[in-house]
N, C-alpha and C. Protein backbone atom coordinates (compact mmCIF):
# COMPACT_ATOMS: atom_id res chain seq x y z
N MET A 1 -0.74 -10.26 -6.90
CA MET A 1 -0.80 -8.85 -7.17
C MET A 1 -2.11 -8.56 -7.91
N GLU A 2 -2.88 -7.68 -7.38
CA GLU A 2 -4.18 -7.38 -7.95
C GLU A 2 -4.05 -6.63 -9.28
N LYS A 3 -3.24 -5.61 -9.32
CA LYS A 3 -3.04 -4.78 -10.49
C LYS A 3 -2.02 -5.46 -11.41
N ASP A 4 -2.05 -5.14 -12.69
CA ASP A 4 -1.08 -5.70 -13.63
C ASP A 4 0.22 -4.89 -13.55
N TYR A 5 1.24 -5.49 -12.93
CA TYR A 5 2.52 -4.84 -12.78
C TYR A 5 3.55 -5.39 -13.77
N SER A 6 3.10 -6.18 -14.74
CA SER A 6 4.03 -6.87 -15.62
C SER A 6 4.98 -5.91 -16.34
N GLN A 7 4.55 -4.70 -16.62
CA GLN A 7 5.43 -3.74 -17.30
C GLN A 7 6.57 -3.29 -16.40
N ASN A 8 6.47 -3.56 -15.09
CA ASN A 8 7.53 -3.18 -14.15
C ASN A 8 8.46 -4.34 -13.80
N LEU A 9 8.26 -5.50 -14.43
CA LEU A 9 9.06 -6.69 -14.11
C LEU A 9 10.51 -6.50 -14.54
N VAL A 10 11.41 -6.72 -13.59
CA VAL A 10 12.85 -6.64 -13.86
C VAL A 10 13.37 -8.02 -14.21
N THR A 11 13.06 -8.99 -13.36
CA THR A 11 13.53 -10.36 -13.58
C THR A 11 12.68 -11.32 -12.76
N GLU A 12 12.85 -12.59 -13.06
CA GLU A 12 12.04 -13.62 -12.43
C GLU A 12 12.93 -14.79 -12.05
N TYR A 13 12.61 -15.40 -10.92
CA TYR A 13 13.28 -16.59 -10.43
C TYR A 13 12.22 -17.69 -10.29
N GLU A 14 12.63 -18.84 -9.82
CA GLU A 14 11.66 -19.93 -9.65
C GLU A 14 10.56 -19.56 -8.67
N HIS A 15 10.93 -18.94 -7.53
CA HIS A 15 9.97 -18.64 -6.47
C HIS A 15 9.67 -17.15 -6.30
N TRP A 16 10.39 -16.28 -6.97
CA TRP A 16 10.28 -14.84 -6.73
C TRP A 16 10.25 -14.07 -8.05
N GLN A 17 9.59 -12.92 -8.02
CA GLN A 17 9.61 -11.98 -9.12
C GLN A 17 10.10 -10.64 -8.56
N VAL A 18 10.82 -9.90 -9.38
CA VAL A 18 11.37 -8.61 -8.97
C VAL A 18 10.76 -7.52 -9.86
N TYR A 19 10.18 -6.52 -9.20
CA TYR A 19 9.52 -5.41 -9.90
C TYR A 19 10.10 -4.08 -9.46
N VAL A 20 10.09 -3.12 -10.38
CA VAL A 20 10.36 -1.74 -10.02
C VAL A 20 9.12 -1.26 -9.27
N ASN A 21 9.32 -0.66 -8.11
CA ASN A 21 8.20 -0.13 -7.33
C ASN A 21 7.54 1.01 -8.10
N GLU A 22 6.23 1.09 -7.99
CA GLU A 22 5.47 2.17 -8.65
C GLU A 22 5.96 3.54 -8.21
N ASN A 23 6.41 3.66 -6.97
CA ASN A 23 6.88 4.94 -6.43
C ASN A 23 8.41 4.91 -6.39
N GLN A 24 9.03 5.72 -7.23
CA GLN A 24 10.48 5.77 -7.29
C GLN A 24 11.04 6.98 -6.55
N SER A 25 10.42 7.35 -5.44
CA SER A 25 10.97 8.46 -4.66
C SER A 25 12.36 8.10 -4.11
N PHE A 26 12.66 6.81 -4.05
CA PHE A 26 14.02 6.32 -3.79
C PHE A 26 14.44 5.60 -5.06
N LEU A 27 15.44 6.14 -5.75
CA LEU A 27 15.88 5.61 -7.03
C LEU A 27 16.23 4.13 -6.92
N GLY A 28 15.55 3.31 -7.74
CA GLY A 28 15.83 1.88 -7.77
C GLY A 28 15.04 1.07 -6.77
N ARG A 29 14.06 1.67 -6.12
CA ARG A 29 13.26 0.92 -5.13
C ARG A 29 12.57 -0.25 -5.83
N LEU A 30 12.71 -1.43 -5.23
CA LEU A 30 12.19 -2.66 -5.82
C LEU A 30 11.19 -3.35 -4.90
N ILE A 31 10.37 -4.18 -5.51
CA ILE A 31 9.48 -5.11 -4.79
C ILE A 31 9.92 -6.51 -5.19
N ILE A 32 10.20 -7.33 -4.21
CA ILE A 32 10.54 -8.73 -4.45
C ILE A 32 9.34 -9.55 -3.97
N TRP A 33 8.64 -10.17 -4.90
CA TRP A 33 7.32 -10.76 -4.68
C TRP A 33 7.39 -12.29 -4.74
N CYS A 34 6.89 -12.95 -3.70
CA CYS A 34 6.85 -14.41 -3.69
C CYS A 34 5.76 -14.89 -4.65
N LYS A 35 6.10 -15.83 -5.52
CA LYS A 35 5.16 -16.32 -6.52
C LYS A 35 4.06 -17.21 -5.93
N ARG A 36 4.35 -17.84 -4.81
CA ARG A 36 3.36 -18.76 -4.23
C ARG A 36 2.13 -17.96 -3.82
N GLU A 37 0.99 -18.37 -4.31
CA GLU A 37 -0.25 -17.62 -4.14
C GLU A 37 -0.64 -17.41 -2.67
N ASN A 38 -0.45 -18.42 -1.83
CA ASN A 38 -0.89 -18.32 -0.44
C ASN A 38 0.23 -17.91 0.51
N ALA A 39 1.31 -17.37 -0.01
CA ALA A 39 2.43 -16.93 0.83
C ALA A 39 2.07 -15.61 1.50
N THR A 40 2.12 -15.59 2.82
CA THR A 40 1.77 -14.35 3.53
C THR A 40 2.82 -13.91 4.54
N ASP A 41 3.60 -14.82 5.08
CA ASP A 41 4.49 -14.47 6.19
C ASP A 41 5.90 -14.99 5.92
N LEU A 42 6.88 -14.15 6.13
CA LEU A 42 8.27 -14.53 5.91
C LEU A 42 8.65 -15.78 6.70
N ALA A 43 8.18 -15.88 7.92
CA ALA A 43 8.53 -17.03 8.77
C ALA A 43 7.94 -18.33 8.24
N ASP A 44 6.97 -18.26 7.34
CA ASP A 44 6.36 -19.45 6.76
C ASP A 44 6.89 -19.77 5.36
N ALA A 45 7.90 -19.06 4.91
CA ALA A 45 8.48 -19.34 3.59
C ALA A 45 9.07 -20.74 3.60
N THR A 46 8.92 -21.44 2.49
CA THR A 46 9.48 -22.79 2.39
C THR A 46 11.01 -22.70 2.39
N PRO A 47 11.69 -23.78 2.71
CA PRO A 47 13.16 -23.74 2.66
C PRO A 47 13.69 -23.32 1.28
N GLU A 48 13.02 -23.76 0.23
CA GLU A 48 13.44 -23.39 -1.13
C GLU A 48 13.25 -21.89 -1.37
N GLU A 49 12.13 -21.35 -0.91
CA GLU A 49 11.89 -19.90 -1.04
C GLU A 49 12.90 -19.11 -0.23
N GLN A 50 13.19 -19.59 0.98
CA GLN A 50 14.16 -18.90 1.83
C GLN A 50 15.53 -18.86 1.17
N HIS A 51 15.97 -20.00 0.68
CA HIS A 51 17.29 -20.06 0.05
C HIS A 51 17.36 -19.14 -1.16
N GLU A 52 16.34 -19.24 -2.02
CA GLU A 52 16.35 -18.42 -3.23
C GLU A 52 16.22 -16.94 -2.92
N LEU A 53 15.49 -16.60 -1.86
CA LEU A 53 15.34 -15.19 -1.48
C LEU A 53 16.70 -14.54 -1.26
N PHE A 54 17.61 -15.24 -0.61
CA PHE A 54 18.93 -14.65 -0.37
C PHE A 54 19.73 -14.52 -1.66
N VAL A 55 19.51 -15.41 -2.61
CA VAL A 55 20.13 -15.27 -3.92
C VAL A 55 19.58 -14.03 -4.61
N VAL A 56 18.25 -13.86 -4.57
CA VAL A 56 17.60 -12.70 -5.19
C VAL A 56 18.10 -11.41 -4.55
N LEU A 57 18.12 -11.36 -3.22
CA LEU A 57 18.58 -10.15 -2.53
C LEU A 57 20.01 -9.80 -2.92
N HIS A 58 20.87 -10.81 -2.98
CA HIS A 58 22.26 -10.57 -3.38
C HIS A 58 22.32 -10.06 -4.82
N ASP A 59 21.62 -10.74 -5.73
CA ASP A 59 21.65 -10.34 -7.13
C ASP A 59 21.14 -8.92 -7.32
N MET A 60 20.04 -8.58 -6.64
CA MET A 60 19.45 -7.26 -6.80
C MET A 60 20.32 -6.17 -6.17
N ARG A 61 20.92 -6.49 -5.04
CA ARG A 61 21.84 -5.53 -4.41
C ARG A 61 22.99 -5.22 -5.36
N GLU A 62 23.57 -6.25 -5.96
CA GLU A 62 24.69 -6.05 -6.87
C GLU A 62 24.26 -5.30 -8.13
N ALA A 63 23.07 -5.60 -8.65
CA ALA A 63 22.56 -4.89 -9.83
C ALA A 63 22.33 -3.42 -9.51
N LEU A 64 21.76 -3.13 -8.34
CA LEU A 64 21.53 -1.74 -7.93
C LEU A 64 22.85 -1.00 -7.77
N LYS A 65 23.87 -1.67 -7.23
CA LYS A 65 25.19 -1.04 -7.08
C LYS A 65 25.74 -0.64 -8.44
N LYS A 66 25.63 -1.54 -9.41
CA LYS A 66 26.15 -1.25 -10.76
C LYS A 66 25.34 -0.16 -11.44
N ALA A 67 24.03 -0.20 -11.25
CA ALA A 67 23.15 0.72 -11.98
C ALA A 67 23.14 2.12 -11.40
N PHE A 68 23.13 2.25 -10.06
CA PHE A 68 22.87 3.55 -9.44
C PHE A 68 23.86 3.94 -8.33
N GLU A 69 24.75 3.06 -7.94
CA GLU A 69 25.76 3.31 -6.91
C GLU A 69 25.18 3.80 -5.58
N PRO A 70 24.20 3.09 -5.02
CA PRO A 70 23.68 3.50 -3.71
C PRO A 70 24.73 3.28 -2.61
N ASP A 71 24.51 3.97 -1.50
CA ASP A 71 25.43 3.89 -0.36
C ASP A 71 24.98 2.89 0.70
N TRP A 72 23.72 2.51 0.67
CA TRP A 72 23.17 1.63 1.69
C TRP A 72 21.89 1.01 1.16
N PHE A 73 21.39 -0.02 1.85
CA PHE A 73 20.14 -0.68 1.46
C PHE A 73 19.27 -0.91 2.67
N ASN A 74 17.98 -0.73 2.50
CA ASN A 74 16.98 -1.10 3.51
C ASN A 74 16.15 -2.23 2.93
N TYR A 75 15.83 -3.21 3.77
CA TYR A 75 15.01 -4.35 3.38
C TYR A 75 13.80 -4.37 4.32
N SER A 76 12.61 -4.29 3.76
CA SER A 76 11.40 -4.25 4.59
C SER A 76 10.41 -5.33 4.16
N PHE A 77 9.99 -6.13 5.14
CA PHE A 77 8.94 -7.13 4.94
C PHE A 77 7.78 -6.70 5.82
N LEU A 78 6.85 -5.93 5.26
CA LEU A 78 5.81 -5.34 6.09
C LEU A 78 4.47 -6.06 5.92
N GLY A 79 3.90 -6.05 4.74
CA GLY A 79 2.64 -6.72 4.50
C GLY A 79 1.42 -6.02 5.08
N ASN A 80 1.57 -4.78 5.52
CA ASN A 80 0.43 -4.07 6.11
C ASN A 80 -0.63 -3.74 5.07
N GLY A 81 -0.22 -3.17 3.96
CA GLY A 81 -1.17 -2.78 2.92
C GLY A 81 -1.50 -3.92 1.97
N THR A 82 -0.55 -4.80 1.75
CA THR A 82 -0.74 -5.95 0.86
C THR A 82 -0.32 -7.20 1.63
N PRO A 83 -1.28 -7.97 2.14
CA PRO A 83 -0.94 -9.14 2.96
C PRO A 83 -0.47 -10.33 2.12
N HIS A 84 0.66 -10.14 1.47
CA HIS A 84 1.30 -11.20 0.71
C HIS A 84 2.79 -11.08 0.95
N LEU A 85 3.50 -12.19 0.94
CA LEU A 85 4.94 -12.18 1.22
C LEU A 85 5.69 -11.42 0.12
N HIS A 86 6.27 -10.30 0.51
CA HIS A 86 7.07 -9.50 -0.40
C HIS A 86 8.04 -8.65 0.39
N CYS A 87 9.06 -8.19 -0.29
CA CYS A 87 10.10 -7.35 0.32
C CYS A 87 10.21 -6.06 -0.45
N HIS A 88 10.35 -4.95 0.27
CA HIS A 88 10.70 -3.68 -0.33
C HIS A 88 12.21 -3.52 -0.18
N LEU A 89 12.91 -3.50 -1.29
CA LEU A 89 14.34 -3.26 -1.28
C LEU A 89 14.54 -1.81 -1.67
N VAL A 90 15.06 -1.02 -0.72
CA VAL A 90 15.15 0.43 -0.90
C VAL A 90 16.62 0.85 -0.89
N SER A 91 17.05 1.41 -2.01
CA SER A 91 18.41 1.95 -2.10
C SER A 91 18.45 3.29 -1.38
N ARG A 92 19.54 3.52 -0.65
CA ARG A 92 19.70 4.78 0.08
C ARG A 92 20.97 5.48 -0.42
N TYR A 93 20.90 6.81 -0.42
CA TYR A 93 21.95 7.63 -1.04
C TYR A 93 22.40 8.74 -0.11
N ALA A 94 23.72 8.80 0.15
CA ALA A 94 24.29 9.85 1.00
C ALA A 94 24.37 11.18 0.27
N THR A 95 24.44 11.13 -1.04
CA THR A 95 24.53 12.35 -1.85
C THR A 95 23.50 12.26 -2.99
N PRO A 96 23.11 13.39 -3.55
CA PRO A 96 22.12 13.36 -4.63
C PRO A 96 22.56 12.53 -5.83
N ARG A 97 21.59 11.93 -6.49
CA ARG A 97 21.82 11.19 -7.73
C ARG A 97 20.86 11.74 -8.78
N THR A 98 21.33 11.83 -10.00
CA THR A 98 20.47 12.23 -11.11
C THR A 98 20.38 11.07 -12.08
N PHE A 99 19.14 10.73 -12.43
CA PHE A 99 18.89 9.65 -13.39
C PHE A 99 17.67 10.02 -14.22
N ALA A 100 17.78 9.87 -15.52
CA ALA A 100 16.68 10.14 -16.45
C ALA A 100 16.08 11.53 -16.23
N GLY A 101 16.97 12.49 -15.95
CA GLY A 101 16.53 13.87 -15.80
C GLY A 101 15.92 14.20 -14.44
N VAL A 102 15.93 13.25 -13.52
CA VAL A 102 15.36 13.47 -12.18
C VAL A 102 16.51 13.44 -11.18
N THR A 103 16.57 14.46 -10.32
CA THR A 103 17.56 14.48 -9.25
C THR A 103 16.91 13.98 -7.97
N TYR A 104 17.53 12.98 -7.40
CA TYR A 104 17.04 12.35 -6.17
C TYR A 104 17.88 12.83 -5.00
N VAL A 105 17.20 13.28 -3.95
CA VAL A 105 17.87 13.70 -2.72
C VAL A 105 17.27 12.89 -1.58
N ASP A 106 18.10 12.07 -0.95
CA ASP A 106 17.67 11.23 0.17
C ASP A 106 17.95 12.01 1.45
N ASP A 107 17.03 12.91 1.79
CA ASP A 107 17.26 13.80 2.95
C ASP A 107 17.13 13.09 4.28
N ARG A 108 16.77 11.82 4.28
CA ARG A 108 16.70 11.05 5.52
C ARG A 108 17.77 9.96 5.55
N PHE A 109 18.81 10.09 4.72
CA PHE A 109 19.88 9.10 4.73
C PHE A 109 20.45 8.99 6.14
N GLY A 110 20.66 7.78 6.58
CA GLY A 110 21.16 7.55 7.93
C GLY A 110 20.05 7.48 8.96
N LYS A 111 18.83 7.66 8.51
CA LYS A 111 17.65 7.57 9.39
C LYS A 111 16.68 6.59 8.74
N SER A 112 15.55 6.36 9.37
CA SER A 112 14.56 5.50 8.73
C SER A 112 14.02 6.21 7.49
N TYR A 113 13.51 5.41 6.57
CA TYR A 113 13.00 6.03 5.35
C TYR A 113 11.51 6.28 5.47
N ARG A 114 11.07 7.26 4.74
CA ARG A 114 9.65 7.59 4.65
C ARG A 114 9.34 7.78 3.17
N THR A 115 8.40 7.02 2.67
CA THR A 115 8.04 7.16 1.27
C THR A 115 7.38 8.52 1.03
N ASN A 116 7.82 9.20 0.00
CA ASN A 116 7.19 10.44 -0.41
C ASN A 116 6.04 10.08 -1.35
N HIS A 117 4.84 10.03 -0.82
CA HIS A 117 3.67 9.63 -1.61
C HIS A 117 3.27 10.69 -2.64
N ASP A 118 3.84 11.87 -2.55
CA ASP A 118 3.57 12.91 -3.54
C ASP A 118 4.52 12.86 -4.73
N PHE A 119 5.55 12.00 -4.63
CA PHE A 119 6.52 11.88 -5.72
C PHE A 119 5.84 11.25 -6.92
N GLU A 120 5.91 11.91 -8.06
CA GLU A 120 5.26 11.40 -9.26
C GLU A 120 6.27 10.61 -10.09
N THR A 121 5.94 9.34 -10.30
CA THR A 121 6.79 8.47 -11.09
C THR A 121 6.06 8.15 -12.38
N SER A 122 6.55 8.66 -13.46
CA SER A 122 5.92 8.41 -14.76
C SER A 122 6.21 6.98 -15.21
N PRO A 123 5.37 6.44 -16.07
CA PRO A 123 5.66 5.12 -16.64
C PRO A 123 7.01 5.10 -17.35
N GLU A 124 7.39 6.22 -17.95
CA GLU A 124 8.67 6.30 -18.64
C GLU A 124 9.84 6.20 -17.66
N LEU A 125 9.70 6.83 -16.50
CA LEU A 125 10.76 6.74 -15.49
C LEU A 125 10.87 5.32 -14.96
N ARG A 126 9.74 4.69 -14.66
CA ARG A 126 9.78 3.29 -14.20
C ARG A 126 10.44 2.40 -15.25
N ALA A 127 10.10 2.62 -16.51
CA ALA A 127 10.68 1.81 -17.59
C ALA A 127 12.19 2.04 -17.68
N ALA A 128 12.63 3.27 -17.49
CA ALA A 128 14.06 3.58 -17.54
C ALA A 128 14.81 2.89 -16.40
N VAL A 129 14.23 2.91 -15.20
CA VAL A 129 14.84 2.22 -14.06
C VAL A 129 14.89 0.72 -14.34
N ARG A 130 13.76 0.16 -14.79
CA ARG A 130 13.69 -1.27 -15.10
C ARG A 130 14.75 -1.64 -16.13
N ASP A 131 14.83 -0.87 -17.21
CA ASP A 131 15.76 -1.19 -18.29
C ASP A 131 17.22 -1.06 -17.85
N GLN A 132 17.49 -0.07 -17.00
CA GLN A 132 18.85 0.10 -16.47
C GLN A 132 19.25 -1.14 -15.67
N LEU A 133 18.34 -1.63 -14.85
CA LEU A 133 18.63 -2.82 -14.03
C LEU A 133 18.77 -4.07 -14.90
N LYS A 134 17.86 -4.21 -15.87
CA LYS A 134 17.98 -5.36 -16.78
C LYS A 134 19.31 -5.35 -17.51
N GLY A 135 19.78 -4.16 -17.82
CA GLY A 135 21.04 -4.03 -18.55
C GLY A 135 22.27 -4.47 -17.77
N VAL A 136 22.18 -4.45 -16.45
CA VAL A 136 23.34 -4.85 -15.64
C VAL A 136 23.20 -6.25 -15.05
N LEU A 137 22.05 -6.86 -15.25
CA LEU A 137 21.87 -8.24 -14.74
C LEU A 137 22.53 -9.26 -15.66
């Protein structure tokens, strides 16, 4: 990761780190980042990384359920903008959710998601999401 995202760190595993995404247009959106420096492709993940990834996905899904009660989850391994092995874990909501004074409306629930790049996520909001997740882990 080029930028310092340490303030967004939720938790860490042997092979993976979990961060609150800078853009919280979807409440609880996470980045699951492979620690191995030269990791670029999911199909090239080591057996240990693969095994632990499913543990991380399970743990984060359960934490998100406790913290925000999402109705569905999207998992994206894209690497288009950042060519490093990582996953976007996106919580989806059938009905509006309010957290930290922000009301979230997932108007594309049941369809593919589109990031709202105009959504402003303050450092305080990211910290609140991070702390909520840490509190349920």
